[in-house]
Amino acid sequence: MQRASLRLVVVALAVAVGGPRISNAQDPETLYRRAVQALLRTTFEAKGSVQSSGGASGEFLLRCSFADGILRTWIEVQKPADQRGQRFLLWNRLDGKSEGWWYDPKTKQVKELDAAGWKQPFLKSDFLLGDFLFVGTSDHRVELGGEERYGGETFTVVHLYAKNPSEALYPHRAYSVDPRQNVLLRALYFDAQDKPAKRWVAEKLERRGSEWFPTEQKILLVGGNTQASSSLRLTELRFEPELSKDAFEKSALSAPPKPTPKP
């Protein structure tokens, strides 16, 4: 997607944020929850890469599993060299508090991610660790916004307002939802002054039936005069890989990962 097109996307959602309310529309919380619950439930792993407009780049191995209402994401950094071997385990809950842990290969210690940890840039990019989470509805107020028209299609805008703004990574989020396919395609994140700060775009999706997962996504900083952005890409997806039963548990975060068998 070209930079000019991305600017148009930001403007379109900004119009929707302040636009008219939709009448006779689907309940916004249900609309958002259905899209998040339609995330790929099959356990999979993939090679990942991130590239920033500022020149930072990195590579990692990613594994995901969805069970018991929790999306579990395991990440091991492969590049750059100074971060190689770092691992992250994220438990994303739609109901209740999400959790995360970080393994430092230098100290061989596992630490729980605190508020500052979630704000840590991922591989020196514009993605924060907290950007990997889809926030829950139990600690957010969900409201229906206007409609966003993009690419000849009409999408529904859903607002999520944190009940405790001071504790939230972003006090206000506005998601563009495809109500026909239950997919989140774009989002606008707001800062503490309720000004647009970041734009998230799902540029490519992996689809398996009615389930989906963003395999190419972009973060753009939209506040001030900055034009910074970062892209994250997943390739070589493998479904149902052979993993230990505790692969997505905190207790296994410091153990060497099981080698990935060649296809």
Protein backbone atom coordinates (compact mmCIF):
# COMPACT_ATOMS: atom_id res chain seq x y z
CA MET A 1 0.00 0.00 0.00
CA GLN A 2 1.43 3.39 -0.95
CA ARG A 3 1.92 6.20 1.56
CA ALA A 4 -0.70 8.40 -0.11
CA SER A 5 -3.27 5.60 0.17
CA LEU A 6 -2.46 5.12 3.83
CA ARG A 7 -3.04 8.81 4.48
CA LEU A 8 -6.47 8.47 2.89
CA VAL A 9 -7.23 5.54 5.18
CA VAL A 10 -6.35 7.63 8.25
CA VAL A 11 -8.56 10.48 7.04
CA ALA A 12 -11.43 8.09 6.30
CA LEU A 13 -11.45 6.63 9.79
CA ALA A 14 -11.01 10.06 11.37
CA VAL A 15 -14.19 11.13 9.54
CA ALA A 16 -15.95 8.01 10.82
CA VAL A 17 -14.85 8.75 14.39
CA GLY A 18 -16.65 12.05 14.31
CA GLY A 19 -19.36 11.01 11.88
CA PRO A 20 -23.03 10.17 12.40
CA ARG A 21 -24.11 7.22 14.51
CA ILE A 22 -25.55 4.19 12.77
CA SER A 23 -29.12 3.24 13.52
CA ASN A 24 -30.47 -0.31 13.55
CA ALA A 25 -26.91 -1.66 13.51
CA GLN A 26 -25.52 -4.73 15.18
CA ASP A 27 -24.55 -4.47 18.83
CA PRO A 28 -20.98 -3.05 18.76
CA GLU A 29 -19.62 -5.32 21.50
CA THR A 30 -20.96 -8.39 19.71
CA LEU A 31 -19.51 -7.16 16.42
CA TYR A 32 -16.04 -6.67 17.93
CA ARG A 33 -16.07 -9.91 19.93
CA ARG A 34 -17.11 -11.98 16.91
CA ALA A 35 -14.20 -10.59 14.90
CA VAL A 36 -11.66 -11.33 17.65
CA GLN A 37 -13.15 -14.75 18.36
CA ALA A 38 -12.80 -15.55 14.64
CA LEU A 39 -9.01 -15.29 14.92
CA LEU A 40 -7.25 -18.42 13.74
CA ARG A 41 -7.83 -21.14 16.36
CA THR A 42 -5.56 -23.73 14.81
CA THR A 43 -2.12 -23.92 16.45
CA PHE A 44 0.49 -22.67 14.02
CA GLU A 45 4.03 -21.35 13.77
CA ALA A 46 5.65 -19.00 11.29
CA LYS A 47 8.80 -17.10 10.50
CA GLY A 48 8.41 -13.41 11.20
CA SER A 49 10.22 -10.25 10.18
CA VAL A 50 9.80 -6.60 11.06
CA GLN A 51 11.09 -3.58 9.15
CA SER A 52 10.97 0.02 10.28
CA SER A 53 11.11 3.14 8.11
CA GLY A 54 13.87 4.30 10.46
CA GLY A 55 16.08 1.39 9.38
CA ALA A 56 15.55 -1.05 12.27
CA SER A 57 14.82 -4.65 11.32
CA GLY A 58 14.57 -8.03 12.96
CA GLU A 59 13.59 -11.66 12.54
CA PHE A 60 11.77 -14.00 14.90
CA LEU A 61 9.94 -17.30 15.25
CA LEU A 62 6.28 -17.04 16.22
CA ARG A 63 3.89 -19.69 17.52
CA CYS A 64 0.21 -19.18 18.30
CA SER A 65 -2.45 -21.29 19.95
CA PHE A 66 -6.06 -20.51 20.86
CA ALA A 67 -7.64 -22.45 23.72
CA ASP A 68 -9.89 -21.79 26.71
CA GLY A 69 -10.67 -18.30 25.45
CA ILE A 70 -6.99 -17.30 25.46
CA LEU A 71 -4.87 -16.49 22.41
CA ARG A 72 -1.35 -17.57 23.38
CA THR A 73 1.57 -16.13 21.42
CA TRP A 74 5.14 -17.36 21.81
CA ILE A 75 7.98 -15.38 20.19
CA GLU A 76 11.71 -16.06 19.99
CA VAL A 77 14.00 -13.37 18.58
CA GLN A 78 16.57 -14.50 16.00
CA LYS A 79 17.87 -11.13 14.77
CA PRO A 80 19.36 -8.64 15.59
CA ALA A 81 22.27 -10.37 17.28
CA ASP A 82 22.12 -8.27 20.45
CA GLN A 83 18.56 -9.50 21.12
CA ARG A 84 18.93 -13.06 19.87
CA GLY A 85 17.42 -15.64 22.19
CA GLN A 86 14.95 -13.31 23.89
CA ARG A 87 11.53 -14.90 24.23
CA PHE A 88 8.09 -13.55 24.94
CA LEU A 89 4.91 -15.33 25.97
CA LEU A 90 1.67 -13.36 25.68
CA TRP A 91 -1.71 -14.54 26.97
CA ASN A 92 -4.39 -12.45 25.30
CA ARG A 93 -7.77 -12.66 27.10
CA LEU A 94 -10.95 -11.15 25.72
CA ASP A 95 -12.52 -11.53 29.17
CA GLY A 96 -10.20 -10.65 32.02
CA LYS A 97 -6.66 -9.34 32.26
CA SER A 98 -4.08 -10.31 29.65
CA GLU A 99 -0.65 -11.45 30.83
CA GLY A 100 2.83 -11.55 29.41
CA TRP A 101 6.33 -12.78 30.30
CA TRP A 102 9.80 -12.11 28.98
CA TYR A 103 12.83 -14.41 29.02
CA ASP A 104 16.25 -12.78 29.08
CA PRO A 105 18.96 -15.21 27.83
CA LYS A 106 21.70 -13.14 29.45
CA THR A 107 20.36 -13.56 32.98
CA LYS A 108 18.35 -16.72 32.19
CA GLN A 109 15.45 -15.23 34.10
CA VAL A 110 11.75 -15.00 33.26
CA LYS A 111 10.05 -11.75 34.24
CA GLU A 112 6.41 -10.76 34.06
CA LEU A 113 5.65 -7.84 31.75
CA ASP A 114 4.53 -4.81 33.74
CA ALA A 115 2.98 -1.61 32.36
CA ALA A 116 6.38 -0.41 31.15
CA GLY A 117 7.09 -3.80 29.56
CA TRP A 118 3.99 -3.65 27.36
CA LYS A 119 5.22 -0.28 26.06
CA GLN A 120 8.59 -1.75 25.03
CA PRO A 121 9.31 -1.38 21.28
CA PHE A 122 9.43 -4.76 19.59
CA LEU A 123 12.83 -5.18 17.89
CA LYS A 124 13.34 -1.41 17.90
CA SER A 125 10.32 -0.92 15.63
CA ASP A 126 7.16 1.18 16.01
CA PHE A 127 5.29 -1.93 17.20
CA LEU A 128 5.03 -2.17 20.97
CA LEU A 129 4.61 -5.52 22.71
CA GLY A 130 1.16 -4.33 23.71
CA ASP A 131 0.27 -3.92 20.04
CA PHE A 132 0.15 -7.72 19.76
CA LEU A 133 -2.95 -7.78 21.99
CA PHE A 134 -6.59 -7.40 21.01
CA VAL A 135 -8.05 -5.71 24.09
CA GLY A 136 -10.88 -7.29 26.07
CA THR A 137 -14.36 -5.91 26.49
CA SER A 138 -14.61 -6.44 30.26
CA ASP A 139 -12.38 -3.42 30.92
CA HIS A 140 -13.56 -1.29 28.00
CA ARG A 141 -16.75 0.55 27.14
CA VAL A 142 -17.77 -0.36 23.59
CA GLU A 143 -19.70 2.05 21.38
CA LEU A 144 -20.81 2.09 17.79
CA GLY A 145 -19.28 4.73 15.52
CA GLY A 146 -19.94 5.72 11.95
CA GLU A 147 -19.19 3.89 8.73
CA GLU A 148 -15.86 3.83 6.91
CA ARG A 149 -15.94 3.48 3.15
CA TYR A 150 -12.78 2.07 1.65
CA GLY A 151 -12.00 0.16 -1.54
CA GLY A 152 -15.62 0.22 -2.61
CA GLU A 153 -16.73 -1.50 0.61
CA THR A 154 -18.45 -0.19 3.74
CA PHE A 155 -17.10 -1.09 7.17
CA THR A 156 -18.45 -0.47 10.65
CA VAL A 157 -16.40 1.56 13.13
CA VAL A 158 -16.41 0.35 16.74
CA HIS A 159 -14.95 2.44 19.58
CA LEU A 160 -13.37 0.93 22.70
CA TYR A 161 -12.84 3.29 25.64
CA ALA A 162 -10.73 2.02 28.54
CA LYS A 163 -12.57 2.14 31.86
CA ASN A 164 -9.24 2.97 33.53
CA PRO A 165 -7.57 5.23 30.93
CA SER A 166 -4.46 5.87 33.01
CA GLU A 167 -3.67 2.14 33.02
CA ALA A 168 -4.37 1.53 29.32
CA LEU A 169 -1.78 1.47 26.56
CA TYR A 170 -4.27 3.43 24.46
CA PRO A 171 -7.25 4.97 26.31
CA HIS A 172 -9.33 4.97 23.13
CA ARG A 173 -9.28 2.70 20.09
CA ALA A 174 -11.44 2.79 16.96
CA TYR A 175 -11.60 -0.40 14.90
CA SER A 176 -12.85 -0.78 11.36
CA VAL A 177 -14.78 -4.07 11.24
CA ASP A 178 -15.95 -6.01 8.22
CA PRO A 179 -19.34 -7.22 9.53
CA ARG A 180 -19.76 -9.62 6.61
CA GLN A 181 -16.60 -11.62 7.32
CA ASN A 182 -16.04 -10.83 11.04
CA VAL A 183 -12.58 -9.34 10.43
CA LEU A 184 -10.73 -6.37 11.95
CA LEU A 185 -8.98 -4.58 9.10
CA ARG A 186 -7.85 -1.21 10.45
CA ALA A 187 -7.62 0.67 13.73
CA LEU A 188 -6.84 4.11 15.02
CA TYR A 189 -5.23 4.39 18.48
CA PHE A 190 -5.58 7.58 20.55
CA ASP A 191 -3.29 9.06 23.20
CA ALA A 192 -4.18 10.40 26.65
CA GLN A 193 -5.38 13.68 25.08
CA ASP A 194 -7.66 11.67 22.77
CA LYS A 195 -5.61 12.65 19.73
CA PRO A 196 -4.77 10.09 17.00
CA ALA A 197 -1.39 8.55 17.78
CA LYS A 198 -1.09 5.34 15.73
CA ARG A 199 -2.73 3.68 12.78
CA TRP A 200 -2.82 -0.13 12.48
CA VAL A 201 -3.55 -1.74 9.11
CA ALA A 202 -3.97 -5.44 8.32
CA GLU A 203 -2.57 -5.55 4.79
CA LYS A 204 -2.82 -9.31 4.22
CA LEU A 205 -4.80 -12.05 5.95
CA GLU A 206 -4.43 -15.80 6.24
CA ARG A 207 -7.93 -17.28 5.87
CA ARG A 208 -9.01 -20.79 6.87
CA GLY A 209 -12.74 -21.04 6.44
CA SER A 210 -14.32 -18.38 8.63
CA GLU A 211 -11.11 -17.88 10.67
CA TRP A 212 -8.44 -15.27 9.97
CA PHE A 213 -5.06 -13.94 11.10
CA PRO A 214 -3.06 -10.90 9.92
CA THR A 215 0.11 -12.15 8.19
CA GLU A 216 1.10 -8.68 7.02
CA GLN A 217 0.38 -5.64 9.15
CA LYS A 218 1.62 -2.10 9.46
CA ILE A 219 1.84 0.48 12.23
CA LEU A 220 2.00 4.17 11.32
CA LEU A 221 2.67 7.01 13.72
CA VAL A 222 0.11 9.66 12.83
CA GLY A 223 0.59 12.24 15.58
CA GLY A 224 2.55 15.44 14.90
CA ASN A 225 4.67 15.69 11.77
CA THR A 226 6.20 12.22 11.86
CA GLN A 227 5.96 9.83 8.93
CA ALA A 228 7.41 6.83 10.78
CA SER A 229 6.01 3.38 10.14
CA SER A 230 6.88 -0.29 10.61
CA SER A 231 5.77 -3.41 8.79
CA LEU A 232 5.50 -6.92 10.24
CA ARG A 233 5.29 -10.00 8.01
CA LEU A 234 4.71 -13.69 8.71
CA THR A 235 5.81 -16.34 6.19
CA GLU A 236 6.11 -20.12 5.97
CA LEU A 237 3.09 -20.83 8.16
CA ARG A 238 2.92 -24.40 9.46
CA PHE A 239 -0.27 -25.69 11.03
CA GLU A 240 -0.46 -28.14 13.94
CA PRO A 241 3.34 -28.37 14.47
CA GLU A 242 4.62 -30.93 16.95
CA LEU A 243 5.04 -29.03 20.22
CA SER A 244 5.29 -30.06 23.86
CA LYS A 245 2.10 -29.86 25.93
CA ASP A 246 3.51 -27.00 27.98
CA ALA A 247 4.89 -25.06 24.99
CA PHE A 248 2.64 -22.07 25.79
CA GLU A 249 3.17 -22.14 29.55
CA LYS A 250 5.37 -19.77 31.53
CA SER A 251 7.27 -22.74 32.97
CA ALA A 252 8.57 -23.67 29.50
CA LEU A 253 9.61 -20.17 28.44
CA SER A 254 13.24 -20.68 29.50
CA ALA A 255 13.56 -24.15 27.92
CA PRO A 256 15.24 -24.53 24.52
CA PRO A 257 12.56 -24.67 21.80
CA LYS A 258 11.96 -27.99 20.10
CA PRO A 259 13.56 -27.91 16.63
CA THR A 260 11.10 -27.35 13.84
CA PRO A 261 10.96 -30.45 11.61
CA LYS A 262 11.57 -29.80 7.95
CA PRO A 263 8.48 -30.15 5.74
